[in-house]
Amino acid sequence: MRRPLRAVALALTLLALTPNLGSSQSRGLLGLSIERFYHEGPQFTAVNFKLTQLSPGRVGVDLSAGLVPVALQGGLLFLDLDIGLAKALAIGPATLLLKGGVGNFLILGLHADSEFHPGLQGGLAAVLPVQRQFAIRADLSRRVYFPAGGSFPMWSAGIGFAVLPSK
């Protein structure tokens, strides 16, 4: 369990030390995405609400709250909750986000016990502007969850849109 913690600590340190190459204005990205989770093949899909606050020269907050719709059929409320930090790097008109933090699963059951699976996540997101206040966002993250008795690695890949603030 120490290796993932060291990796996240190193990633967050690098995020804080990376020089900012983005614009000079603070901005927030607000959007929705469809995120697919993988462990030895596809596992499930979540619909995520994402909020990323970016400030030039600083590390910003990256939040995501997702719902796994298929779990509702079984009487479960399956939530994917991420809280972390992000650093923006401008690449032409696009923005690359380096991100990392905690990623948790919360499963609430109507007829079963609730479960909480803490974890860590880190990855990249590309934000490609399409129009003045609209962008496509693609995320790729490596995740490690720590259920009782071990660790459980996963990948997630998401595609969605983001609303950009007016300038």
Protein backbone atom coordinates (compact mmCIF):
# COMPACT_ATOMS: atom_id res chain seq x y z
CA MET A 1 0.00 0.00 0.00
CA ARG A 2 3.00 2.33 0.38
CA ARG A 3 3.89 2.37 -3.34
CA PRO A 4 0.62 4.02 -4.49
CA LEU A 5 0.87 6.61 -1.69
CA ARG A 6 4.43 7.49 -2.72
CA ALA A 7 3.41 7.73 -6.36
CA VAL A 8 0.54 10.11 -5.58
CA ALA A 9 2.76 12.23 -3.30
CA LEU A 10 5.36 12.46 -6.08
CA ALA A 11 2.70 13.33 -8.68
CA LEU A 12 1.21 16.08 -6.50
CA THR A 13 4.69 17.51 -5.83
CA LEU A 14 5.42 17.58 -9.57
CA LEU A 15 2.06 19.26 -10.21
CA ALA A 16 2.91 22.00 -7.75
CA LEU A 17 6.38 22.57 -9.24
CA THR A 18 5.41 22.48 -12.93
CA PRO A 19 5.57 25.96 -14.46
CA ASN A 20 2.27 27.28 -15.80
CA LEU A 21 2.08 27.61 -19.57
CA GLY A 22 -1.62 28.53 -19.72
CA SER A 23 -3.47 31.81 -20.03
CA SER A 24 -3.24 34.60 -17.47
CA GLN A 25 -6.86 34.37 -16.27
CA SER A 26 -8.41 32.12 -13.66
CA ARG A 27 -11.13 29.93 -15.11
CA GLY A 28 -13.41 27.11 -14.20
CA LEU A 29 -14.43 24.16 -16.32
CA LEU A 30 -17.86 22.73 -15.66
CA GLY A 31 -19.19 19.71 -17.54
CA LEU A 32 -20.58 16.21 -17.88
CA SER A 33 -18.87 13.07 -19.11
CA ILE A 34 -19.40 9.36 -19.61
CA GLU A 35 -16.61 7.43 -17.91
CA ARG A 36 -15.87 3.73 -18.47
CA PHE A 37 -14.03 1.78 -15.75
CA TYR A 38 -11.73 -1.13 -16.65
CA HIS A 39 -10.16 -4.01 -14.72
CA GLU A 40 -9.20 -6.91 -16.98
CA GLY A 41 -11.91 -5.70 -19.35
CA PRO A 42 -14.84 -3.26 -19.06
CA GLN A 43 -16.54 -3.24 -15.67
CA PHE A 44 -19.11 -0.43 -15.55
CA THR A 45 -19.96 3.05 -16.83
CA ALA A 46 -20.60 6.20 -14.79
CA VAL A 47 -22.19 9.51 -15.70
CA ASN A 48 -19.97 12.17 -14.11
CA PHE A 49 -20.41 15.83 -13.24
CA LYS A 50 -16.98 17.53 -13.31
CA LEU A 51 -15.74 20.83 -11.93
CA THR A 52 -12.14 21.95 -12.38
CA GLN A 53 -10.94 25.34 -11.13
CA LEU A 54 -7.72 26.52 -12.77
CA SER A 55 -5.57 29.51 -11.86
CA PRO A 56 -2.39 30.56 -13.69
CA GLY A 57 0.79 29.51 -11.95
CA ARG A 58 -1.12 27.49 -9.37
CA VAL A 59 -2.56 24.09 -8.81
CA GLY A 60 -6.37 24.09 -8.92
CA VAL A 61 -9.11 21.92 -7.50
CA ASP A 62 -10.52 19.05 -9.58
CA LEU A 63 -13.85 17.53 -8.44
CA SER A 64 -15.98 14.80 -9.95
CA ALA A 65 -19.18 13.10 -8.79
CA GLY A 66 -20.51 10.19 -10.81
CA LEU A 67 -23.45 7.82 -10.78
CA VAL A 68 -23.46 4.27 -12.15
CA PRO A 69 -26.98 4.04 -13.65
CA VAL A 70 -27.07 0.25 -14.11
CA ALA A 71 -26.70 -0.24 -10.33
CA LEU A 72 -30.05 1.50 -9.76
CA GLN A 73 -31.81 -1.55 -11.25
CA GLY A 74 -30.49 -3.64 -8.37
CA GLY A 75 -31.54 -1.13 -5.71
CA LEU A 76 -28.04 0.31 -5.30
CA LEU A 77 -26.87 3.89 -5.43
CA PHE A 78 -23.29 3.49 -6.73
CA LEU A 79 -21.31 6.75 -6.61
CA ASP A 80 -17.84 7.56 -7.92
CA LEU A 81 -16.41 10.53 -5.97
CA ASP A 82 -13.07 12.14 -6.89
CA ILE A 83 -11.40 15.05 -5.11
CA GLY A 84 -8.01 16.18 -6.26
CA LEU A 85 -5.69 18.76 -7.73
CA ALA A 86 -5.03 19.71 -11.35
CA LYS A 87 -2.38 21.69 -13.20
CA ALA A 88 -3.12 23.18 -16.63
CA LEU A 89 -0.62 23.22 -19.49
CA ALA A 90 -1.59 25.13 -22.64
CA ILE A 91 -0.83 23.35 -25.92
CA GLY A 92 -1.97 25.69 -28.67
CA PRO A 93 -5.71 26.26 -28.25
CA ALA A 94 -6.04 23.07 -26.17
CA THR A 95 -5.32 22.52 -22.48
CA LEU A 96 -3.71 19.44 -20.95
CA LEU A 97 -4.60 18.79 -17.31
CA LEU A 98 -2.28 16.82 -15.06
CA LYS A 99 -4.46 15.62 -12.21
CA GLY A 100 -4.37 13.45 -9.11
CA GLY A 101 -5.99 12.92 -5.74
CA VAL A 102 -8.37 10.60 -3.95
CA GLY A 103 -10.99 8.58 -5.78
CA ASN A 104 -13.66 6.73 -3.83
CA PHE A 105 -16.59 4.44 -4.46
CA LEU A 106 -19.63 4.77 -2.22
CA ILE A 107 -22.31 2.11 -2.61
CA LEU A 108 -25.59 2.63 -0.77
CA GLY A 109 -28.07 -0.24 -0.82
CA LEU A 110 -31.78 -0.26 -0.15
CA HIS A 111 -31.69 -3.93 0.88
CA ALA A 112 -27.98 -4.38 1.57
CA ASP A 113 -25.18 -2.91 3.64
CA SER A 114 -23.48 0.24 2.42
CA GLU A 115 -19.87 0.07 1.26
CA PHE A 116 -17.11 2.65 1.06
CA HIS A 117 -13.97 1.91 -0.98
CA PRO A 118 -11.25 4.56 -0.58
CA GLY A 119 -8.68 4.97 -3.30
CA LEU A 120 -6.21 7.11 -5.20
CA GLN A 121 -6.35 8.35 -8.77
CA GLY A 122 -4.04 10.18 -11.14
CA GLY A 123 -4.08 10.92 -14.83
CA LEU A 124 -4.49 13.33 -17.70
CA ALA A 125 -7.34 15.24 -19.27
CA ALA A 126 -7.36 17.03 -22.62
CA VAL A 127 -9.71 20.00 -23.08
CA LEU A 128 -10.25 20.91 -26.73
CA PRO A 129 -12.26 24.10 -27.41
CA VAL A 130 -14.92 23.66 -30.10
CA GLN A 131 -16.67 27.02 -29.79
CA ARG A 132 -16.19 30.13 -27.71
CA GLN A 133 -17.67 28.65 -24.49
CA PHE A 134 -17.84 24.94 -25.34
CA ALA A 135 -15.12 22.28 -25.24
CA ILE A 136 -14.69 18.52 -25.51
CA ARG A 137 -12.99 16.93 -22.50
CA ALA A 138 -11.28 13.52 -22.57
CA ASP A 139 -9.92 11.95 -19.37
CA LEU A 140 -7.66 8.96 -18.73
CA SER A 141 -6.89 7.93 -15.14
CA ARG A 142 -5.13 5.15 -13.30
CA ARG A 143 -6.92 4.25 -10.09
CA VAL A 144 -6.14 2.05 -7.09
CA TYR A 145 -8.87 1.22 -4.57
CA PHE A 146 -8.27 -0.25 -1.13
CA PRO A 147 -11.16 -2.52 -0.15
CA ALA A 148 -10.72 -4.53 3.04
CA GLY A 149 -7.83 -6.92 2.63
CA GLY A 150 -5.88 -5.52 -0.32
CA SER A 151 -5.78 -3.24 -3.32
CA PHE A 152 -7.73 -3.18 -6.58
CA PRO A 153 -6.21 -1.37 -9.61
CA MET A 154 -8.41 0.04 -12.39
CA TRP A 155 -8.26 2.34 -15.39
CA SER A 156 -10.96 4.81 -16.36
CA ALA A 157 -11.48 6.61 -19.65
CA GLY A 158 -14.04 9.37 -20.12
CA ILE A 159 -15.38 11.62 -22.84
CA GLY A 160 -17.69 14.57 -22.37
CA PHE A 161 -18.11 18.29 -22.69
CA ALA A 162 -17.13 21.33 -20.67
CA VAL A 163 -18.61 24.81 -20.55
CA LEU A 164 -15.88 27.46 -20.58
CA PRO A 165 -16.28 30.79 -18.78
CA SER A 166 -16.79 33.88 -20.90
CA LYS A 167 -13.69 36.02 -21.31
